[in-house]
Amino acid sequence: MMFGNFKSLLNLKNEVTINKTIQASDGMGGTTTTTTSVILSRAAIWQVGANSRFITGKYALTSTHVLCFPYGEYNFNEAITSGTFIETVTWNSNTYTVDGFADNVMNMNEIITQGLQRTT
């Protein structure tokens, strides 16, 4: 029996904000900091269960939550050529740092999951 795609099984009704802060050399001995924000209008965040950390093999052992969103809406694995960066996710007055690696669930190009660690 076919149930359709993964997206139809998930309740992606939350809006989350992803903030990427990049710190790079300004070429004069100092640094510059740039922050960009992306809003995902169809996402879900849930607390990691006892077995959830190992479902895809890519969640870090320190993940406390999981972010789920449609494929193609954001690329957590984007390469930064210079400087350092940190990505945070904000939802419902809580802040999470990105933890582990993003996973294209079953390589079906429908759903991305990303481990998070709650900071506030």
Foldseek 3Di string as FASTA:
>chain_A
DDDDDPVVVDQQAFKKKKKKWFWFDPVPPHIDIDIDIDIARGKDKDFDDPPNCPPPPFFDPQFGMKMKHFFPRDAPPDDDPGTDMWMWMDGPNWIWTWGTHWDPVVPPRTMIMTGTHTDD
